[in-house]
């Protein structure tokens, strides 16, 4: 499973990502003439919000072909490309880079080097992403139930593809190492409450693109449809076990970073 497979339903289920993205847009204070690169634009839901703010050029990129297809249907007046952030070839073309709920999937060093090249002098990058190895204790508890289940012998071969740092200081040092001046960096604990069914949809909007993708297993034997069904069955059951009065507390740690490059 990957983002191509969740693209069509992404707007409906990506509640957490969208809310965090709106917050990032507010922090960035995009100007009405700013040229903006949406790095990891997904299906374009937030690209559409940015289109309403600026009359400047907007480019959206995503590595998922299906996500880009959905984005092109959703937003007009935007250039969309199927492209990895690490392969960006723009040079000094943007005032703002917006990256919401995507940075954890990037090769961080390569991405920041390309961001630096894409931005004009004084340009700004805004990043929002899950942070800390315990990025979501709620999700990790459910995944631990998988580890301890009858399919645990398969799951033990899973290797996380995500990039997480555990402190604001570590994120600041990362950006500074690539020449950025960090204006804002904060890891926030976000707590929301959902029914187990809603929570499973949120889990399916992002986390499953790693947990159920054979390429992230050292040995992918057994990572088939039966395994995926059993995995989600266990996760659903664990969410139900967590519910108090019908609701589960979803805890997420998210980092918000605003950084400027002076060339």
C-alpha atoms as a PDB file:
ATOM      1  CA  UNK A   1       0.000   0.000   0.000  1.00  0.00           C
ATOM      2  CA  UNK A   2       1.225   3.531  -0.822  1.00  0.00           C
ATOM      3  CA  UNK A   3      -0.119   7.046  -1.417  1.00  0.00           C
ATOM      4  CA  UNK A   4      -1.278   6.164  -4.930  1.00  0.00           C
ATOM      5  CA  UNK A   5      -3.753   3.781  -3.295  1.00  0.00           C
ATOM      6  CA  UNK A   6      -5.131   6.303  -0.795  1.00  0.00           C
ATOM      7  CA  UNK A   7      -5.183   9.334  -3.112  1.00  0.00           C
ATOM      8  CA  UNK A   8      -8.894   9.351  -3.930  1.00  0.00           C
ATOM      9  CA  UNK A   9      -9.997   9.166  -0.280  1.00  0.00           C
ATOM     10  CA  UNK A  10      -7.241  11.368   1.117  1.00  0.00           C
ATOM     11  CA  UNK A  11      -9.265  14.582   1.475  1.00  0.00           C
ATOM     12  CA  UNK A  12     -11.942  12.830   3.463  1.00  0.00           C
ATOM     13  CA  UNK A  13      -9.651  11.054   5.897  1.00  0.00           C
ATOM     14  CA  UNK A  14      -6.570  13.302   6.224  1.00  0.00           C
ATOM     15  CA  UNK A  15      -8.110  15.396   8.997  1.00  0.00           C
ATOM     16  CA  UNK A  16      -5.010  15.723  11.161  1.00  0.00           C
ATOM     17  CA  UNK A  17      -2.727  16.654   8.259  1.00  0.00           C
ATOM     18  CA  UNK A  18      -5.080  19.305   6.879  1.00  0.00           C
ATOM     19  CA  UNK A  19      -5.650  21.051  10.209  1.00  0.00           C
ATOM     20  CA  UNK A  20      -1.909  21.194  10.836  1.00  0.00           C
ATOM     21  CA  UNK A  21      -1.370  22.527   7.303  1.00  0.00           C
ATOM     22  CA  UNK A  22      -3.782  25.410   7.811  1.00  0.00           C
ATOM     23  CA  UNK A  23      -1.815  26.338  10.918  1.00  0.00           C
ATOM     24  CA  UNK A  24       1.431  26.288   8.899  1.00  0.00           C
ATOM     25  CA  UNK A  25      -0.067  28.551   6.215  1.00  0.00           C
ATOM     26  CA  UNK A  26      -1.021  31.049   8.908  1.00  0.00           C
ATOM     27  CA  UNK A  27       2.505  30.966  10.352  1.00  0.00           C
ATOM     28  CA  UNK A  28       4.090  31.541   6.916  1.00  0.00           C
ATOM     29  CA  UNK A  29       2.140  34.755   6.225  1.00  0.00           C
ATOM     30  CA  UNK A  30       2.266  34.249   2.472  1.00  0.00           C
ATOM     31  CA  UNK A  31       2.180  37.556   0.569  1.00  0.00           C
ATOM     32  CA  UNK A  32      -0.275  38.304  -2.234  1.00  0.00           C
ATOM     33  CA  UNK A  33       2.493  38.262  -4.867  1.00  0.00           C
ATOM     34  CA  UNK A  34       4.665  35.469  -3.479  1.00  0.00           C
ATOM     35  CA  UNK A  35       5.729  32.585  -5.700  1.00  0.00           C
ATOM     36  CA  UNK A  36       5.158  29.368  -3.765  1.00  0.00           C
ATOM     37  CA  UNK A  37       6.384  25.789  -4.074  1.00  0.00           C
ATOM     38  CA  UNK A  38       4.152  23.228  -2.356  1.00  0.00           C
ATOM     39  CA  UNK A  39       6.588  20.380  -1.680  1.00  0.00           C
ATOM     40  CA  UNK A  40       4.621  17.199  -1.098  1.00  0.00           C
ATOM     41  CA  UNK A  41       1.331  18.729  -2.197  1.00  0.00           C
ATOM     42  CA  UNK A  42      -0.698  15.521  -2.053  1.00  0.00           C
ATOM     43  CA  UNK A  43      -4.115  15.949  -3.637  1.00  0.00           C
ATOM     44  CA  UNK A  44      -3.868  19.741  -3.681  1.00  0.00           C
ATOM     45  CA  UNK A  45      -6.317  20.508  -0.865  1.00  0.00           C
ATOM     46  CA  UNK A  46      -3.923  22.971   0.761  1.00  0.00           C
ATOM     47  CA  UNK A  47      -2.500  24.126  -2.565  1.00  0.00           C
ATOM     48  CA  UNK A  48      -6.022  25.399  -3.235  1.00  0.00           C
ATOM     49  CA  UNK A  49      -5.913  27.427  -0.008  1.00  0.00           C
ATOM     50  CA  UNK A  50      -2.577  28.941  -1.037  1.00  0.00           C
ATOM     51  CA  UNK A  51      -3.999  29.755  -4.499  1.00  0.00           C
ATOM     52  CA  UNK A  52      -6.592  31.956  -2.783  1.00  0.00           C
ATOM     53  CA  UNK A  53      -3.882  33.904  -0.925  1.00  0.00           C
ATOM     54  CA  UNK A  54      -1.335  34.747  -3.618  1.00  0.00           C
ATOM     55  CA  UNK A  55      -1.552  35.826  -7.238  1.00  0.00           C
ATOM     56  CA  UNK A  56       2.022  34.626  -7.731  1.00  0.00           C
ATOM     57  CA  UNK A  57       3.198  31.446  -9.403  1.00  0.00           C
ATOM     58  CA  UNK A  58       2.396  28.220  -7.551  1.00  0.00           C
ATOM     59  CA  UNK A  59       4.021  24.862  -8.235  1.00  0.00           C
ATOM     60  CA  UNK A  60       2.943  21.658  -6.527  1.00  0.00           C
ATOM     61  CA  UNK A  61       5.041  18.502  -6.543  1.00  0.00           C
ATOM     62  CA  UNK A  62       4.440  15.033  -5.185  1.00  0.00           C
ATOM     63  CA  UNK A  63       6.011  11.646  -5.798  1.00  0.00           C
ATOM     64  CA  UNK A  64       2.573  10.018  -6.105  1.00  0.00           C
ATOM     65  CA  UNK A  65       1.148  10.091  -9.619  1.00  0.00           C
ATOM     66  CA  UNK A  66      -2.397   9.506  -8.326  1.00  0.00           C
ATOM     67  CA  UNK A  67      -2.120  12.384  -5.866  1.00  0.00           C
ATOM     68  CA  UNK A  68      -1.041  14.714  -8.661  1.00  0.00           C
ATOM     69  CA  UNK A  69      -3.956  13.539 -10.809  1.00  0.00           C
ATOM     70  CA  UNK A  70      -6.341  14.420  -7.974  1.00  0.00           C
ATOM     71  CA  UNK A  71      -4.615  17.781  -7.447  1.00  0.00           C
ATOM     72  CA  UNK A  72      -5.012  18.725 -11.114  1.00  0.00           C
ATOM     73  CA  UNK A  73      -8.745  18.044 -10.865  1.00  0.00           C
ATOM     74  CA  UNK A  74      -9.035  20.146  -7.714  1.00  0.00           C
ATOM     75  CA  UNK A  75      -6.998  23.278  -8.453  1.00  0.00           C
ATOM     76  CA  UNK A  76      -6.605  25.382 -11.578  1.00  0.00           C
ATOM     77  CA  UNK A  77      -3.863  27.907 -12.226  1.00  0.00           C
ATOM     78  CA  UNK A  78      -1.200  25.756 -10.574  1.00  0.00           C
ATOM     79  CA  UNK A  79       1.678  23.816 -12.131  1.00  0.00           C
ATOM     80  CA  UNK A  80       1.674  20.240 -10.847  1.00  0.00           C
ATOM     81  CA  UNK A  81       4.481  17.733 -11.369  1.00  0.00           C
ATOM     82  CA  UNK A  82       5.128  14.146 -10.333  1.00  0.00           C
ATOM     83  CA  UNK A  83       8.517  14.664  -8.740  1.00  0.00           C
ATOM     84  CA  UNK A  84      10.546  13.746  -5.683  1.00  0.00           C
ATOM     85  CA  UNK A  85      11.672  16.637  -3.514  1.00  0.00           C
ATOM     86  CA  UNK A  86      15.211  15.296  -3.692  1.00  0.00           C
ATOM     87  CA  UNK A  87      15.107  15.729  -7.489  1.00  0.00           C
ATOM     88  CA  UNK A  88      13.965  19.365  -7.585  1.00  0.00           C
ATOM     89  CA  UNK A  89      15.692  21.304 -10.365  1.00  0.00           C
ATOM     90  CA  UNK A  90      14.304  24.812  -9.811  1.00  0.00           C
ATOM     91  CA  UNK A  91      16.890  27.531  -9.114  1.00  0.00           C
ATOM     92  CA  UNK A  92      16.112  30.816  -7.308  1.00  0.00           C
ATOM     93  CA  UNK A  93      12.455  30.701  -8.394  1.00  0.00           C
ATOM     94  CA  UNK A  94      10.379  30.851  -5.202  1.00  0.00           C
ATOM     95  CA  UNK A  95       9.736  33.170  -2.274  1.00  0.00           C
ATOM     96  CA  UNK A  96       8.081  30.477  -0.148  1.00  0.00           C
ATOM     97  CA  UNK A  97       8.359  26.708   0.155  1.00  0.00           C
ATOM     98  CA  UNK A  98       5.434  25.077   1.953  1.00  0.00           C
ATOM     99  CA  UNK A  99       5.858  21.478   3.101  1.00  0.00           C
ATOM    100  CA  UNK A 100       3.044  19.973   5.154  1.00  0.00           C
ATOM    101  CA  UNK A 101       3.093  16.464   6.647  1.00  0.00           C
ATOM    102  CA  UNK A 102       5.739  15.354   4.137  1.00  0.00           C
ATOM    103  CA  UNK A 103       9.172  16.097   5.588  1.00  0.00           C
ATOM    104  CA  UNK A 104       9.250  12.785   7.459  1.00  0.00           C
ATOM    105  CA  UNK A 105       9.324  10.985   4.091  1.00  0.00           C
ATOM    106  CA  UNK A 106      12.257  12.983   2.674  1.00  0.00           C
ATOM    107  CA  UNK A 107      15.989  12.494   2.703  1.00  0.00           C
ATOM    108  CA  UNK A 108      16.281  15.522   4.983  1.00  0.00           C
ATOM    109  CA  UNK A 109      19.775  16.656   3.969  1.00  0.00           C
ATOM    110  CA  UNK A 110      19.098  16.347   0.244  1.00  0.00           C
ATOM    111  CA  UNK A 111      15.701  18.018   0.574  1.00  0.00           C
ATOM    112  CA  UNK A 112      17.124  21.025   2.406  1.00  0.00           C
ATOM    113  CA  UNK A 113      19.873  21.443  -0.167  1.00  0.00           C
ATOM    114  CA  UNK A 114      17.265  21.492  -2.934  1.00  0.00           C
ATOM    115  CA  UNK A 115      15.036  23.873  -0.934  1.00  0.00           C
ATOM    116  CA  UNK A 116      18.005  26.211  -0.571  1.00  0.00           C
ATOM    117  CA  UNK A 117      18.594  26.144  -4.337  1.00  0.00           C
ATOM    118  CA  UNK A 118      14.920  26.728  -5.171  1.00  0.00           C
ATOM    119  CA  UNK A 119      14.496  29.771  -2.949  1.00  0.00           C
ATOM    120  CA  UNK A 120      15.411  33.324  -3.805  1.00  0.00           C
ATOM    121  CA  UNK A 121      17.575  35.363  -1.462  1.00  0.00           C
ATOM    122  CA  UNK A 122      15.534  35.964   1.672  1.00  0.00           C
ATOM    123  CA  UNK A 123      13.128  33.169   0.774  1.00  0.00           C
ATOM    124  CA  UNK A 124      11.378  31.218   3.489  1.00  0.00           C
ATOM    125  CA  UNK A 125      10.578  27.546   4.023  1.00  0.00           C
ATOM    126  CA  UNK A 126       7.787  26.358   6.275  1.00  0.00           C
ATOM    127  CA  UNK A 127       7.709  22.738   7.416  1.00  0.00           C
ATOM    128  CA  UNK A 128       5.148  20.895   9.491  1.00  0.00           C
ATOM    129  CA  UNK A 129       5.689  17.201  10.154  1.00  0.00           C
ATOM    130  CA  UNK A 130       5.324  14.512  12.777  1.00  0.00           C
ATOM    131  CA  UNK A 131       8.250  14.631  15.196  1.00  0.00           C
ATOM    132  CA  UNK A 132       9.940  12.394  17.780  1.00  0.00           C
ATOM    133  CA  UNK A 133      10.349   8.644  17.581  1.00  0.00           C
ATOM    134  CA  UNK A 134       7.129   8.351  19.597  1.00  0.00           C
ATOM    135  CA  UNK A 135       5.401  10.558  17.019  1.00  0.00           C
ATOM    136  CA  UNK A 136       1.995   9.171  18.021  1.00  0.00           C
ATOM    137  CA  UNK A 137       1.805   7.073  21.195  1.00  0.00           C
ATOM    138  CA  UNK A 138      -1.741   6.172  20.189  1.00  0.00           C
ATOM    139  CA  UNK A 139      -0.685   4.687  16.860  1.00  0.00           C
ATOM    140  CA  UNK A 140       2.412   3.069  18.351  1.00  0.00           C
ATOM    141  CA  UNK A 141       0.326   1.272  20.973  1.00  0.00           C
ATOM    142  CA  UNK A 142      -1.846  -0.188  18.215  1.00  0.00           C
ATOM    143  CA  UNK A 143       1.213  -1.191  16.179  1.00  0.00           C
ATOM    144  CA  UNK A 144       2.752  -2.819  19.255  1.00  0.00           C
ATOM    145  CA  UNK A 145      -0.328  -5.043  19.383  1.00  0.00           C
ATOM    146  CA  UNK A 146       0.534  -6.148  15.842  1.00  0.00           C
ATOM    147  CA  UNK A 147       4.112  -6.867  16.916  1.00  0.00           C
ATOM    148  CA  UNK A 148       2.822  -9.121  19.699  1.00  0.00           C
ATOM    149  CA  UNK A 149       0.272 -10.914  17.534  1.00  0.00           C
ATOM    150  CA  UNK A 150       0.367 -13.990  15.329  1.00  0.00           C
ATOM    151  CA  UNK A 151       1.617 -11.834  12.412  1.00  0.00           C
ATOM    152  CA  UNK A 152       4.390 -10.370  14.528  1.00  0.00           C
ATOM    153  CA  UNK A 153       6.919 -12.704  12.900  1.00  0.00           C
ATOM    154  CA  UNK A 154       6.288 -10.847   9.633  1.00  0.00           C
ATOM    155  CA  UNK A 155       6.074  -7.372  11.148  1.00  0.00           C
ATOM    156  CA  UNK A 156       9.454  -7.773  12.866  1.00  0.00           C
ATOM    157  CA  UNK A 157      11.026  -7.214   9.434  1.00  0.00           C
ATOM    158  CA  UNK A 158       9.451  -3.751   9.107  1.00  0.00           C
ATOM    159  CA  UNK A 159      11.947  -0.878   9.003  1.00  0.00           C
ATOM    160  CA  UNK A 160      10.566   2.632   9.387  1.00  0.00           C
ATOM    161  CA  UNK A 161      11.201   4.908   6.372  1.00  0.00           C
ATOM    162  CA  UNK A 162      10.426   8.030   8.370  1.00  0.00           C
ATOM    163  CA  UNK A 163      12.803  10.799   9.420  1.00  0.00           C
ATOM    164  CA  UNK A 164      12.161  11.960  12.975  1.00  0.00           C
ATOM    165  CA  UNK A 165      14.207  14.054  15.373  1.00  0.00           C
ATOM    166  CA  UNK A 166      13.426  14.143  19.080  1.00  0.00           C
ATOM    167  CA  UNK A 167      14.037  17.795  19.977  1.00  0.00           C
ATOM    168  CA  UNK A 168      13.646  21.323  18.656  1.00  0.00           C
ATOM    169  CA  UNK A 169      17.391  21.805  19.051  1.00  0.00           C
ATOM    170  CA  UNK A 170      18.095  18.915  16.681  1.00  0.00           C
ATOM    171  CA  UNK A 171      15.777  20.357  14.010  1.00  0.00           C
ATOM    172  CA  UNK A 172      17.333  23.810  14.381  1.00  0.00           C
ATOM    173  CA  UNK A 173      20.854  22.405  13.995  1.00  0.00           C
ATOM    174  CA  UNK A 174      19.761  20.463  10.900  1.00  0.00           C
ATOM    175  CA  UNK A 175      18.429  23.582   9.165  1.00  0.00           C
ATOM    176  CA  UNK A 176      21.350  25.742  10.261  1.00  0.00           C
ATOM    177  CA  UNK A 177      23.781  23.174   8.886  1.00  0.00           C
ATOM    178  CA  UNK A 178      22.272  23.856   5.467  1.00  0.00           C
ATOM    179  CA  UNK A 179      22.566  27.637   5.770  1.00  0.00           C
ATOM    180  CA  UNK A 180      19.059  28.495   6.996  1.00  0.00           C
ATOM    181  CA  UNK A 181      18.273  30.931   9.789  1.00  0.00           C
ATOM    182  CA  UNK A 182      15.497  29.420  11.881  1.00  0.00           C
ATOM    183  CA  UNK A 183      12.845  31.946  12.904  1.00  0.00           C
ATOM    184  CA  UNK A 184      10.497  29.517  14.600  1.00  0.00           C
ATOM    185  CA  UNK A 185      10.805  25.898  15.710  1.00  0.00           C
ATOM    186  CA  UNK A 186       8.439  24.221  18.100  1.00  0.00           C
ATOM    187  CA  UNK A 187       7.370  20.662  18.761  1.00  0.00           C
ATOM    188  CA  UNK A 188       3.773  20.605  19.914  1.00  0.00           C
ATOM    189  CA  UNK A 189       1.714  17.874  21.506  1.00  0.00           C
ATOM    190  CA  UNK A 190      -1.651  17.770  19.760  1.00  0.00           C
ATOM    191  CA  UNK A 191      -4.527  15.875  21.370  1.00  0.00           C
ATOM    192  CA  UNK A 192      -7.828  15.182  19.617  1.00  0.00           C
ATOM    193  CA  UNK A 193     -10.609  12.669  20.250  1.00  0.00           C
ATOM    194  CA  UNK A 194     -12.221  10.346  17.737  1.00  0.00           C
ATOM    195  CA  UNK A 195     -14.340   7.251  17.484  1.00  0.00           C
ATOM    196  CA  UNK A 196     -12.347   4.082  16.753  1.00  0.00           C
ATOM    197  CA  UNK A 197     -13.737   4.111  13.198  1.00  0.00           C
ATOM    198  CA  UNK A 198     -12.617   7.707  12.617  1.00  0.00           C
ATOM    199  CA  UNK A 199      -9.237   6.935  14.102  1.00  0.00           C
ATOM    200  CA  UNK A 200      -8.741   4.016  11.741  1.00  0.00           C
ATOM    201  CA  UNK A 201      -9.465   6.316   8.797  1.00  0.00           C
ATOM    202  CA  UNK A 202      -6.836   8.765  10.070  1.00  0.00           C
ATOM    203  CA  UNK A 203      -4.371   5.895  10.451  1.00  0.00           C
ATOM    204  CA  UNK A 204      -5.157   4.820   6.892  1.00  0.00           C
ATOM    205  CA  UNK A 205      -4.521   8.337   5.543  1.00  0.00           C
ATOM    206  CA  UNK A 206      -0.776   8.171   6.116  1.00  0.00           C
ATOM    207  CA  UNK A 207       0.674   5.577   8.450  1.00  0.00           C
ATOM    208  CA  UNK A 208      -0.389   2.575   6.386  1.00  0.00           C
ATOM    209  CA  UNK A 209       1.660   3.891   3.449  1.00  0.00           C
ATOM    210  CA  UNK A 210       4.669   2.733   5.464  1.00  0.00           C
ATOM    211  CA  UNK A 211       3.394  -0.069   7.665  1.00  0.00           C
ATOM    212  CA  UNK A 212       1.747  -1.975   4.818  1.00  0.00           C
ATOM    213  CA  UNK A 213       4.257  -1.260   2.050  1.00  0.00           C
ATOM    214  CA  UNK A 214       6.420  -4.324   1.246  1.00  0.00           C
ATOM    215  CA  UNK A 215       9.387  -2.157   0.260  1.00  0.00           C
ATOM    216  CA  UNK A 216       9.803  -1.142   3.913  1.00  0.00           C
ATOM    217  CA  UNK A 217      10.247  -4.745   5.045  1.00  0.00           C
ATOM    218  CA  UNK A 218      13.669  -6.373   5.056  1.00  0.00           C
ATOM    219  CA  UNK A 219      11.861  -9.583   4.169  1.00  0.00           C
ATOM    220  CA  UNK A 220       8.593  -8.935   2.371  1.00  0.00           C
ATOM    221  CA  UNK A 221       7.468 -12.561   2.253  1.00  0.00           C
ATOM    222  CA  UNK A 222       3.971 -12.666   3.681  1.00  0.00           C
ATOM    223  CA  UNK A 223       3.216  -8.966   3.233  1.00  0.00           C
ATOM    224  CA  UNK A 224       0.170  -9.777   1.151  1.00  0.00           C
ATOM    225  CA  UNK A 225      -3.526  -8.958   1.206  1.00  0.00           C
ATOM    226  CA  UNK A 226      -4.219 -11.416   4.032  1.00  0.00           C
ATOM    227  CA  UNK A 227      -1.474  -9.779   6.120  1.00  0.00           C
ATOM    228  CA  UNK A 228      -2.856  -6.306   5.418  1.00  0.00           C
ATOM    229  CA  UNK A 229      -6.366  -7.352   6.452  1.00  0.00           C
ATOM    230  CA  UNK A 230      -5.108  -8.940   9.668  1.00  0.00           C
ATOM    231  CA  UNK A 231      -2.897  -5.933  10.446  1.00  0.00           C
ATOM    232  CA  UNK A 232      -5.812  -3.504  10.160  1.00  0.00           C
ATOM    233  CA  UNK A 233      -8.092  -5.842  12.085  1.00  0.00           C
ATOM    234  CA  UNK A 234      -5.652  -5.828  15.011  1.00  0.00           C
ATOM    235  CA  UNK A 235      -5.217  -2.050  14.853  1.00  0.00           C
ATOM    236  CA  UNK A 236      -8.977  -1.535  14.782  1.00  0.00           C
ATOM    237  CA  UNK A 237      -9.445  -3.842  17.778  1.00  0.00           C
ATOM    238  CA  UNK A 238      -6.753  -2.017  19.731  1.00  0.00           C
ATOM    239  CA  UNK A 239      -8.388   1.350  18.972  1.00  0.00           C
ATOM    240  CA  UNK A 240     -11.664  -0.074  20.269  1.00  0.00           C
ATOM    241  CA  UNK A 241      -9.899  -1.236  23.442  1.00  0.00           C
ATOM    242  CA  UNK A 242      -8.567   2.299  23.982  1.00  0.00           C
ATOM    243  CA  UNK A 243     -11.999   3.941  23.740  1.00  0.00           C
ATOM    244  CA  UNK A 244     -13.503   5.617  26.791  1.00  0.00           C
ATOM    245  CA  UNK A 245     -17.160   6.513  26.402  1.00  0.00           C
ATOM    246  CA  UNK A 246     -16.831   5.725  22.700  1.00  0.00           C
ATOM    247  CA  UNK A 247     -13.872   8.036  22.022  1.00  0.00           C
ATOM    248  CA  UNK A 248     -10.121   7.498  21.725  1.00  0.00           C
ATOM    249  CA  UNK A 249      -7.565  10.156  22.624  1.00  0.00           C
ATOM    250  CA  UNK A 250      -5.231  10.618  19.652  1.00  0.00           C
ATOM    251  CA  UNK A 251      -1.872  12.065  20.644  1.00  0.00           C
ATOM    252  CA  UNK A 252       0.467  13.446  17.985  1.00  0.00           C
ATOM    253  CA  UNK A 253       3.766  15.281  18.279  1.00  0.00           C
ATOM    254  CA  UNK A 254       4.247  17.788  15.458  1.00  0.00           C
ATOM    255  CA  UNK A 255       7.095  20.136  14.646  1.00  0.00           C
ATOM    256  CA  UNK A 256       6.532  23.539  13.041  1.00  0.00           C
ATOM    257  CA  UNK A 257       9.589  25.162  11.489  1.00  0.00           C
ATOM    258  CA  UNK A 258       9.984  28.506   9.728  1.00  0.00           C
ATOM    259  CA  UNK A 259      13.445  29.211   8.295  1.00  0.00           C
ATOM    260  CA  UNK A 260      14.925  31.866   5.990  1.00  0.00           C
ATOM    261  CA  UNK A 261      17.827  31.578   3.545  1.00  0.00           C
ATOM    262  CA  UNK A 262      20.123  34.511   2.790  1.00  0.00           C
ATOM    263  CA  UNK A 263      22.430  33.949  -0.150  1.00  0.00           C
END
